[in-house]
Amino acid sequence: MDPETKKLLEETHALARDNHQMLRAIRRDHWIGVITKVVIWAVLLLLPLYLYQQYLQPIAAKFSATPGLAPAGIFGLPSSAELQKLLNSVQVKQ
């Protein structure tokens, strides 16, 4: 192999190695970005729910129509057990 071809081959190999390292860095940065975005969105979506449970729900419970009883279902809607009790009480009265 002549020296010029060998030099070109070594330069090509060095460029390929640098390209490989850059591509690995790009992939790593991409995955770090994806994980960071997932964590940020989880915090942004779950933090208000946590703050509501810790601070606003006790205050709202003080002003509810039935003191001492917190709403059982999601968003204050009755649970399936409460609905079943209501249906049973209606059926007994008929």
PDB file of N, CA and C in Angstrom:
ATOM      1  N   MET A   1       0.852  -1.168   0.000  1.00  0.00           N
ATOM      2  CA  MET A   1       0.000   0.000   0.000  1.00  0.00           C
ATOM      3  C   MET A   1       0.900   1.233   0.000  1.00  0.00           C
ATOM      4  N   ASP A   2       0.632   2.139  -0.923  1.00  0.00           N
ATOM      5  CA  ASP A   2       1.472   3.335  -1.002  1.00  0.00           C
ATOM      6  C   ASP A   2       1.148   4.296   0.140  1.00  0.00           C
ATOM      7  N   PRO A   3       2.054   5.168   0.497  1.00  0.00           N
ATOM      8  CA  PRO A   3       1.881   6.061   1.651  1.00  0.00           C
ATOM      9  C   PRO A   3       0.673   6.996   1.521  1.00  0.00           C
ATOM     10  N   GLU A   4       0.377   7.444   0.317  1.00  0.00           N
ATOM     11  CA  GLU A   4      -0.756   8.368   0.151  1.00  0.00           C
ATOM     12  C   GLU A   4      -2.088   7.668   0.430  1.00  0.00           C
ATOM     13  N   THR A   5      -2.240   6.461  -0.033  1.00  0.00           N
ATOM     14  CA  THR A   5      -3.460   5.692   0.201  1.00  0.00           C
ATOM     15  C   THR A   5      -3.589   5.346   1.678  1.00  0.00           C
ATOM     16  N   LYS A   6      -2.466   4.999   2.283  1.00  0.00           N
ATOM     17  CA  LYS A   6      -2.481   4.685   3.716  1.00  0.00           C
ATOM     18  C   LYS A   6      -2.881   5.902   4.535  1.00  0.00           C
ATOM     19  N   LYS A   7      -2.352   7.088   4.150  1.00  0.00           N
ATOM     20  CA  LYS A   7      -2.702   8.321   4.861  1.00  0.00           C
ATOM     21  C   LYS A   7      -4.199   8.621   4.708  1.00  0.00           C
ATOM     22  N   LEU A   8      -4.731   8.459   3.498  1.00  0.00           N
ATOM     23  CA  LEU A   8      -6.163   8.692   3.271  1.00  0.00           C
ATOM     24  C   LEU A   8      -7.019   7.705   4.065  1.00  0.00           C
ATOM     25  N   LEU A   9      -6.578   6.458   4.158  1.00  0.00           N
ATOM     26  CA  LEU A   9      -7.307   5.450   4.912  1.00  0.00           C
ATOM     27  C   LEU A   9      -7.313   5.777   6.409  1.00  0.00           C
ATOM     28  N   GLU A  10      -6.188   6.234   6.913  1.00  0.00           N
ATOM     29  CA  GLU A  10      -6.113   6.614   8.336  1.00  0.00           C
ATOM     30  C   GLU A  10      -6.988   7.838   8.625  1.00  0.00           C
ATOM     31  N   GLU A  11      -6.994   8.803   7.711  1.00  0.00           N
ATOM     32  CA  GLU A  11      -7.849   9.987   7.889  1.00  0.00           C
ATOM     33  C   GLU A  11      -9.325   9.594   7.863  1.00  0.00           C
ATOM     34  N   THR A  12      -9.685   8.700   6.952  1.00  0.00           N
ATOM     35  CA  THR A  12     -11.073   8.233   6.870  1.00  0.00           C
ATOM     36  C   THR A  12     -11.466   7.488   8.136  1.00  0.00           C
ATOM     37  N   HIS A  13     -10.554   6.683   8.635  1.00  0.00           N
ATOM     38  CA  HIS A  13     -10.825   5.944   9.874  1.00  0.00           C
ATOM     39  C   HIS A  13     -10.995   6.909  11.056  1.00  0.00           C
ATOM     40  N   ALA A  14     -10.159   7.942  11.131  1.00  0.00           N
ATOM     41  CA  ALA A  14     -10.262   8.932  12.209  1.00  0.00           C
ATOM     42  C   ALA A  14     -11.579   9.694  12.104  1.00  0.00           C
ATOM     43  N   LEU A  15     -11.971  10.050  10.875  1.00  0.00           N
ATOM     44  CA  LEU A  15     -13.249  10.744  10.694  1.00  0.00           C
ATOM     45  C   LEU A  15     -14.421   9.847  11.086  1.00  0.00           C
ATOM     46  N   ALA A  16     -14.358   8.576  10.717  1.00  0.00           N
ATOM     47  CA  ALA A  16     -15.434   7.645  11.080  1.00  0.00           C
ATOM     48  C   ALA A  16     -15.519   7.491  12.597  1.00  0.00           C
ATOM     49  N   ARG A  17     -14.364   7.415  13.283  1.00  0.00           N
ATOM     50  CA  ARG A  17     -14.360   7.297  14.745  1.00  0.00           C
ATOM     51  C   ARG A  17     -14.958   8.552  15.390  1.00  0.00           C
ATOM     52  N   ASP A  18     -14.561   9.746  14.893  1.00  0.00           N
ATOM     53  CA  ASP A  18     -15.126  10.988  15.421  1.00  0.00           C
ATOM     54  C   ASP A  18     -16.635  11.057  15.173  1.00  0.00           C
ATOM     55  N   ASN A  19     -17.071  10.635  13.992  1.00  0.00           N
ATOM     56  CA  ASN A  19     -18.489  10.634  13.660  1.00  0.00           C
ATOM     57  C   ASN A  19     -19.258   9.712  14.599  1.00  0.00           C
ATOM     58  N   HIS A  20     -18.687   8.550  14.881  1.00  0.00           N
ATOM     59  CA  HIS A  20     -19.330   7.600  15.785  1.00  0.00           C
ATOM     60  C   HIS A  20     -19.470   8.197  17.192  1.00  0.00           C
ATOM     61  N   GLN A  21     -18.427   8.858  17.660  1.00  0.00           N
ATOM     62  CA  GLN A  21     -18.489   9.473  18.988  1.00  0.00           C
ATOM     63  C   GLN A  21     -19.533  10.590  19.037  1.00  0.00           C
ATOM     64  N   MET A  22     -19.614  11.375  17.981  1.00  0.00           N
ATOM     65  CA  MET A  22     -20.615  12.443  17.943  1.00  0.00           C
ATOM     66  C   MET A  22     -22.034  11.881  17.919  1.00  0.00           C
ATOM     67  N   LEU A  23     -22.244  10.823  17.131  1.00  0.00           N
ATOM     68  CA  LEU A  23     -23.570  10.217  17.075  1.00  0.00           C
ATOM     69  C   LEU A  23     -23.973   9.635  18.426  1.00  0.00           C
ATOM     70  N   ARG A  24     -23.049   9.002  19.124  1.00  0.00           N
ATOM     71  CA  ARG A  24     -23.343   8.471  20.461  1.00  0.00           C
ATOM     72  C   ARG A  24     -23.698   9.594  21.424  1.00  0.00           C
ATOM     73  N   ALA A  25     -22.978  10.717  21.332  1.00  0.00           N
ATOM     74  CA  ALA A  25     -23.275  11.858  22.201  1.00  0.00           C
ATOM     75  C   ALA A  25     -24.658  12.434  21.884  1.00  0.00           C
ATOM     76  N   ILE A  26     -25.009  12.491  20.614  1.00  0.00           N
ATOM     77  CA  ILE A  26     -26.328  13.003  20.224  1.00  0.00           C
ATOM     78  C   ILE A  26     -27.425  12.086  20.761  1.00  0.00           C
ATOM     79  N   ARG A  27     -27.246  10.770  20.615  1.00  0.00           N
ATOM     80  CA  ARG A  27     -28.246   9.831  21.135  1.00  0.00           C
ATOM     81  C   ARG A  27     -28.377   9.938  22.648  1.00  0.00           C
ATOM     82  N   ARG A  28     -27.241  10.025  23.337  1.00  0.00           N
ATOM     83  CA  ARG A  28     -27.269  10.152  24.802  1.00  0.00           C
ATOM     84  C   ARG A  28     -27.992  11.434  25.219  1.00  0.00           C
ATOM     85  N   ASP A  29     -27.673  12.554  24.576  1.00  0.00           N
ATOM     86  CA  ASP A  29     -28.343  13.814  24.901  1.00  0.00           C
ATOM     87  C   ASP A  29     -29.826  13.745  24.603  1.00  0.00           C
ATOM     88  N   HIS A  30     -30.196  13.051  23.540  1.00  0.00           N
ATOM     89  CA  HIS A  30     -31.624  12.897  23.215  1.00  0.00           C
ATOM     90  C   HIS A  30     -32.346  12.148  24.334  1.00  0.00           C
ATOM     91  N   TRP A  31     -31.785  11.026  24.786  1.00  0.00           N
ATOM     92  CA  TRP A  31     -32.449  10.251  25.840  1.00  0.00           C
ATOM     93  C   TRP A  31     -32.495  11.009  27.154  1.00  0.00           C
ATOM     94  N   ILE A  32     -31.451  11.745  27.474  1.00  0.00           N
ATOM     95  CA  ILE A  32     -31.475  12.564  28.684  1.00  0.00           C
ATOM     96  C   ILE A  32     -32.576  13.610  28.574  1.00  0.00           C
ATOM     97  N   GLY A  33     -32.742  14.202  27.386  1.00  0.00           N
ATOM     98  CA  GLY A  33     -33.809  15.182  27.174  1.00  0.00           C
ATOM     99  C   GLY A  33     -35.186  14.568  27.314  1.00  0.00           C
ATOM    100  N   VAL A  34     -35.375  13.369  26.772  1.00  0.00           N
ATOM    101  CA  VAL A  34     -36.676  12.693  26.870  1.00  0.00           C
ATOM    102  C   VAL A  34     -37.013  12.400  28.327  1.00  0.00           C
ATOM    103  N   ILE A  35     -36.058  11.871  29.059  1.00  0.00           N
ATOM    104  CA  ILE A  35     -36.290  11.546  30.475  1.00  0.00           C
ATOM    105  C   ILE A  35     -36.564  12.812  31.273  1.00  0.00           C
ATOM    106  N   THR A  36     -35.830  13.875  30.982  1.00  0.00           N
ATOM    107  CA  THR A  36     -36.053  15.147  31.678  1.00  0.00           C
ATOM    108  C   THR A  36     -37.451  15.683  31.398  1.00  0.00           C
ATOM    109  N   LYS A  37     -37.896  15.604  30.155  1.00  0.00           N
ATOM    110  CA  LYS A  37     -39.240  16.089  29.824  1.00  0.00           C
ATOM    111  C   LYS A  37     -40.316  15.265  30.525  1.00  0.00           C
ATOM    112  N   VAL A  38     -40.127  13.956  30.605  1.00  0.00           N
ATOM    113  CA  VAL A  38     -41.105  13.107  31.285  1.00  0.00           C
ATOM    114  C   VAL A  38     -41.177  13.476  32.765  1.00  0.00           C
ATOM    115  N   VAL A  39     -40.028  13.688  33.386  1.00  0.00           N
ATOM    116  CA  VAL A  39     -40.010  14.056  34.807  1.00  0.00           C
ATOM    117  C   VAL A  39     -40.668  15.416  35.019  1.00  0.00           C
ATOM    118  N   ILE A  40     -40.362  16.372  34.159  1.00  0.00           N
ATOM    119  CA  ILE A  40     -40.950  17.709  34.301  1.00  0.00           C
ATOM    120  C   ILE A  40     -42.467  17.645  34.141  1.00  0.00           C
ATOM    121  N   TRP A  41     -42.963  16.921  33.131  1.00  0.00           N
ATOM    122  CA  TRP A  41     -44.408  16.819  32.926  1.00  0.00           C
ATOM    123  C   TRP A  41     -45.079  16.084  34.082  1.00  0.00           C
ATOM    124  N   ALA A  42     -44.427  15.067  34.611  1.00  0.00           N
ATOM    125  CA  ALA A  42     -45.003  14.346  35.756  1.00  0.00           C
ATOM    126  C   ALA A  42     -45.128  15.277  36.947  1.00  0.00           C
ATOM    127  N   VAL A  43     -44.106  16.079  37.189  1.00  0.00           N
ATOM    128  CA  VAL A  43     -44.159  17.027  38.313  1.00  0.00           C
ATOM    129  C   VAL A  43     -45.247  18.063  38.063  1.00  0.00           C
ATOM    130  N   LEU A  44     -45.320  18.592  36.839  1.00  0.00           N
ATOM    131  CA  LEU A  44     -46.319  19.621  36.547  1.00  0.00           C
ATOM    132  C   LEU A  44     -47.748  19.102  36.646  1.00  0.00           C
ATOM    133  N   LEU A  45     -47.953  17.829  36.333  1.00  0.00           N
ATOM    134  CA  LEU A  45     -49.300  17.282  36.391  1.00  0.00           C
ATOM    135  C   LEU A  45     -49.664  16.766  37.783  1.00  0.00           C
ATOM    136  N   LEU A  46     -48.701  16.267  38.526  1.00  0.00           N
ATOM    137  CA  LEU A  46     -49.000  15.669  39.828  1.00  0.00           C
ATOM    138  C   LEU A  46     -48.891  16.659  40.979  1.00  0.00           C
ATOM    139  N   LEU A  47     -48.096  17.702  40.835  1.00  0.00           N
ATOM    140  CA  LEU A  47     -47.931  18.672  41.912  1.00  0.00           C
ATOM    141  C   LEU A  47     -49.243  19.371  42.288  1.00  0.00           C
ATOM    142  N   PRO A  48     -50.060  19.823  41.339  1.00  0.00           N
ATOM    143  CA  PRO A  48     -51.323  20.437  41.734  1.00  0.00           C
ATOM    144  C   PRO A  48     -52.252  19.465  42.477  1.00  0.00           C
ATOM    145  N   LEU A  49     -52.269  18.204  42.066  1.00  0.00           N
ATOM    146  CA  LEU A  49     -53.097  17.232  42.775  1.00  0.00           C
ATOM    147  C   LEU A  49     -52.618  17.041  44.216  1.00  0.00           C
ATOM    148  N   TYR A  50     -51.309  16.966  44.390  1.00  0.00           N
ATOM    149  CA  TYR A  50     -50.746  16.814  45.733  1.00  0.00           C
ATOM    150  C   TYR A  50     -51.059  18.040  46.586  1.00  0.00           C
ATOM    151  N   LEU A  51     -50.872  19.225  46.016  1.00  0.00           N
ATOM    152  CA  LEU A  51     -51.134  20.454  46.777  1.00  0.00           C
ATOM    153  C   LEU A  51     -52.616  20.568  47.129  1.00  0.00           C
ATOM    154  N   TYR A  52     -53.485  20.148  46.233  1.00  0.00           N
ATOM    155  CA  TYR A  52     -54.912  20.159  46.543  1.00  0.00           C
ATOM    156  C   TYR A  52     -55.204  19.243  47.720  1.00  0.00           C
ATOM    157  N   GLN A  53     -54.661  18.035  47.689  1.00  0.00           N
ATOM    158  CA  GLN A  53     -54.905  17.074  48.769  1.00  0.00           C
ATOM    159  C   GLN A  53     -54.373  17.584  50.102  1.00  0.00           C
ATOM    160  N   GLN A  54     -53.244  18.254  50.087  1.00  0.00           N
ATOM    161  CA  GLN A  54     -52.616  18.673  51.330  1.00  0.00           C
ATOM    162  C   GLN A  54     -53.216  19.954  51.898  1.00  0.00           C
ATOM    163  N   TYR A  55     -53.560  20.907  51.055  1.00  0.00           N
ATOM    164  CA  TYR A  55     -53.920  22.226  51.552  1.00  0.00           C
ATOM    165  C   TYR A  55     -55.373  22.625  51.286  1.00  0.00           C
ATOM    166  N   LEU A  56     -55.879  22.394  50.089  1.00  0.00           N
ATOM    167  CA  LEU A  56     -57.218  22.883  49.770  1.00  0.00           C
ATOM    168  C   LEU A  56     -58.327  21.955  50.232  1.00  0.00           C
ATOM    169  N   GLN A  57     -58.121  20.664  50.201  1.00  0.00           N
ATOM    170  CA  GLN A  57     -59.185  19.749  50.597  1.00  0.00           C
ATOM    171  C   GLN A  57     -59.576  19.919  52.069  1.00  0.00           C
ATOM    172  N   PRO A  58     -58.630  20.063  53.009  1.00  0.00           N
ATOM    173  CA  PRO A  58     -59.058  20.293  54.395  1.00  0.00           C
ATOM    174  C   PRO A  58     -59.847  21.592  54.573  1.00  0.00           C
ATOM    175  N   ILE A  59     -59.474  22.625  53.828  1.00  0.00           N
ATOM    176  CA  ILE A  59     -60.207  23.892  53.914  1.00  0.00           C
ATOM    177  C   ILE A  59     -61.601  23.723  53.321  1.00  0.00           C
ATOM    178  N   ALA A  60     -61.711  23.044  52.193  1.00  0.00           N
ATOM    179  CA  ALA A  60     -63.011  22.824  51.565  1.00  0.00           C
ATOM    180  C   ALA A  60     -63.885  21.911  52.422  1.00  0.00           C
ATOM    181  N   ALA A  61     -63.290  20.994  53.138  1.00  0.00           N
ATOM    182  CA  ALA A  61     -64.067  20.098  53.991  1.00  0.00           C
ATOM    183  C   ALA A  61     -64.704  20.862  55.149  1.00  0.00           C
ATOM    184  N   LYS A  62     -64.090  21.939  55.589  1.00  0.00           N
ATOM    185  CA  LYS A  62     -64.664  22.757  56.667  1.00  0.00           C
ATOM    186  C   LYS A  62     -65.967  23.419  56.224  1.00  0.00           C
ATOM    187  N   PHE A  63     -66.078  23.712  54.934  1.00  0.00           N
ATOM    188  CA  PHE A  63     -67.255  24.404  54.422  1.00  0.00           C
ATOM    189  C   PHE A  63     -68.264  23.468  53.775  1.00  0.00           C
ATOM    190  N   SER A  64     -68.048  22.155  53.861  1.00  0.00           N
ATOM    191  CA  SER A  64     -68.976  21.228  53.226  1.00  0.00           C
ATOM    192  C   SER A  64     -70.280  21.153  54.011  1.00  0.00           C
ATOM    193  N   ALA A  65     -71.315  20.636  53.368  1.00  0.00           N
ATOM    194  CA  ALA A  65     -72.636  20.563  53.990  1.00  0.00           C
ATOM    195  C   ALA A  65     -72.667  19.535  55.116  1.00  0.00           C
ATOM    196  N   THR A  66     -71.881  18.509  55.034  1.00  0.00           N
ATOM    197  CA  THR A  66     -71.835  17.476  56.069  1.00  0.00           C
ATOM    198  C   THR A  66     -70.467  17.517  56.737  1.00  0.00           C
ATOM    199  N   PRO A  67     -70.353  18.206  57.835  1.00  0.00           N
ATOM    200  CA  PRO A  67     -69.046  18.330  58.469  1.00  0.00           C
ATOM    201  C   PRO A  67     -68.534  16.973  58.961  1.00  0.00           C
ATOM    202  N   GLY A  68     -67.244  16.783  58.806  1.00  0.00           N
ATOM    203  CA  GLY A  68     -66.630  15.549  59.272  1.00  0.00           C
ATOM    204  C   GLY A  68     -66.612  14.451  58.238  1.00  0.00           C
ATOM    205  N   LEU A  69     -67.405  14.585  57.189  1.00  0.00           N
ATOM    206  CA  LEU A  69     -67.435  13.560  56.147  1.00  0.00           C
ATOM    207  C   LEU A  69     -66.830  14.132  54.872  1.00  0.00           C
ATOM    208  N   ALA A  70     -65.777  13.522  54.434  1.00  0.00           N
ATOM    209  CA  ALA A  70     -65.160  13.941  53.179  1.00  0.00           C
ATOM    210  C   ALA A  70     -65.828  13.184  52.044  1.00  0.00           C
ATOM    211  N   PRO A  71     -65.893  13.755  50.868  1.00  0.00           N
ATOM    212  CA  PRO A  71     -66.479  13.029  49.743  1.00  0.00           C
ATOM    213  C   PRO A  71     -65.686  11.758  49.466  1.00  0.00           C
ATOM    214  N   ALA A  72     -66.417  10.670  49.210  1.00  0.00           N
ATOM    215  CA  ALA A  72     -65.755   9.371  49.065  1.00  0.00           C
ATOM    216  C   ALA A  72     -65.235   9.142  47.656  1.00  0.00           C
ATOM    217  N   GLY A  73     -65.935   9.618  46.659  1.00  0.00           N
ATOM    218  CA  GLY A  73     -65.568   9.320  45.282  1.00  0.00           C
ATOM    219  C   GLY A  73     -64.608  10.332  44.699  1.00  0.00           C
ATOM    220  N   ILE A  74     -64.282  10.120  43.464  1.00  0.00           N
ATOM    221  CA  ILE A  74     -63.392  11.026  42.751  1.00  0.00           C
ATOM    222  C   ILE A  74     -64.150  12.313  42.460  1.00  0.00           C
ATOM    223  N   PHE A  75     -63.519  13.435  42.675  1.00  0.00           N
ATOM    224  CA  PHE A  75     -64.085  14.768  42.455  1.00  0.00           C
ATOM    225  C   PHE A  75     -65.347  14.995  43.280  1.00  0.00           C
ATOM    226  N   GLY A  76     -65.477  14.310  44.400  1.00  0.00           N
ATOM    227  CA  GLY A  76     -66.625  14.492  45.263  1.00  0.00           C
ATOM    228  C   GLY A  76     -67.867  13.762  44.807  1.00  0.00           C
ATOM    229  N   LEU A  77     -67.770  12.965  43.763  1.00  0.00           N
ATOM    230  CA  LEU A  77     -68.918  12.188  43.296  1.00  0.00           C
ATOM    231  C   LEU A  77     -69.114  10.984  44.214  1.00  0.00           C
ATOM    232  N   PRO A  78     -70.327  10.516  44.355  1.00  0.00           N
ATOM    233  CA  PRO A  78     -70.557   9.366  45.231  1.00  0.00           C
ATOM    234  C   PRO A  78     -69.902   8.106  44.678  1.00  0.00           C
ATOM    235  N   SER A  79     -69.455   7.254  45.602  1.00  0.00           N
ATOM    236  CA  SER A  79     -68.831   5.998  45.186  1.00  0.00           C
ATOM    237  C   SER A  79     -69.916   4.994  44.828  1.00  0.00           C
ATOM    238  N   SER A  80     -69.505   3.866  44.279  1.00  0.00           N
ATOM    239  CA  SER A  80     -70.473   2.844  43.884  1.00  0.00           C
ATOM    240  C   SER A  80     -71.201   2.276  45.103  1.00  0.00           C
ATOM    241  N   ALA A  81     -70.529   2.184  46.249  1.00  0.00           N
ATOM    242  CA  ALA A  81     -71.175   1.692  47.467  1.00  0.00           C
ATOM    243  C   ALA A  81     -72.269   2.664  47.924  1.00  0.00           C
ATOM    244  N   GLU A  82     -71.974   3.963  47.844  1.00  0.00           N
ATOM    245  CA  GLU A  82     -72.982   4.954  48.232  1.00  0.00           C
ATOM    246  C   GLU A  82     -74.169   4.936  47.270  1.00  0.00           C
ATOM    247  N   LEU A  83     -73.913   4.769  45.990  1.00  0.00           N
ATOM    248  CA  LEU A  83     -75.011   4.680  45.025  1.00  0.00           C
ATOM    249  C   LEU A  83     -75.866   3.436  45.276  1.00  0.00           C
ATOM    250  N   GLN A  84     -75.225   2.332  45.615  1.00  0.00           N
ATOM    251  CA  GLN A  84     -75.971   1.106  45.914  1.00  0.00           C
ATOM    252  C   GLN A  84     -76.844   1.291  47.152  1.00  0.00           C
ATOM    253  N   LYS A  85     -76.336   1.969  48.178  1.00  0.00           N
ATOM    254  CA  LYS A  85     -77.145   2.253  49.379  1.00  0.00           C
ATOM    255  C   LYS A  85     -78.355   3.101  49.009  1.00  0.00           C
ATOM    256  N   LEU A  86     -78.137   4.085  48.161  1.00  0.00           N
ATOM    257  CA  LEU A  86     -79.234   4.954  47.732  1.00  0.00           C
ATOM    258  C   LEU A  86     -80.295   4.145  46.977  1.00  0.00           C
ATOM    259  N   LEU A  87     -79.860   3.293  46.073  1.00  0.00           N
ATOM    260  CA  LEU A  87     -80.814   2.461  45.330  1.00  0.00           C
ATOM    261  C   LEU A  87     -81.581   1.516  46.260  1.00  0.00           C
ATOM    262  N   ASN A  88     -80.892   0.939  47.218  1.00  0.00           N
ATOM    263  CA  ASN A  88     -81.550   0.053  48.161  1.00  0.00           C
ATOM    264  C   ASN A  88     -82.573   0.809  49.011  1.00  0.00           C
ATOM    265  N   SER A  89     -82.232   2.021  49.431  1.00  0.00           N
ATOM    266  CA  SER A  89     -83.176   2.792  50.250  1.00  0.00           C
ATOM    267  C   SER A  89     -84.408   3.186  49.430  1.00  0.00           C
ATOM    268  N   VAL A  90     -84.222   3.470  48.143  1.00  0.00           N
ATOM    269  CA  VAL A  90     -85.350   3.825  47.276  1.00  0.00           C
ATOM    270  C   VAL A  90     -86.237   2.597  47.044  1.00  0.00           C
ATOM    271  N   GLN A  91     -85.629   1.439  46.844  1.00  0.00           N
ATOM    272  CA  GLN A  91     -86.399   0.212  46.600  1.00  0.00           C
ATOM    273  C   GLN A  91     -87.168  -0.212  47.833  1.00  0.00           C
ATOM    274  N   VAL A  92     -86.616   0.021  49.022  1.00  0.00           N
ATOM    275  CA  VAL A  92     -87.303  -0.362  50.260  1.00  0.00           C
ATOM    276  C   VAL A  92     -88.540   0.508  50.466  1.00  0.00           C
ATOM    277  N   LYS A  93     -88.469   1.783  50.126  1.00  0.00           N
ATOM    278  CA  LYS A  93     -89.585   2.706  50.333  1.00  0.00           C
ATOM    279  C   LYS A  93     -90.725   2.439  49.359  1.00  0.00           C
ATOM    280  N   GLN A  94     -90.460   1.808  48.255  1.00  0.00           N
ATOM    281  CA  GLN A  94     -91.527   1.589  47.269  1.00  0.00           C
ATOM    282  C   GLN A  94     -92.358   0.419  47.612  1.00  0.00           C
TER     283      GLN A  94
END
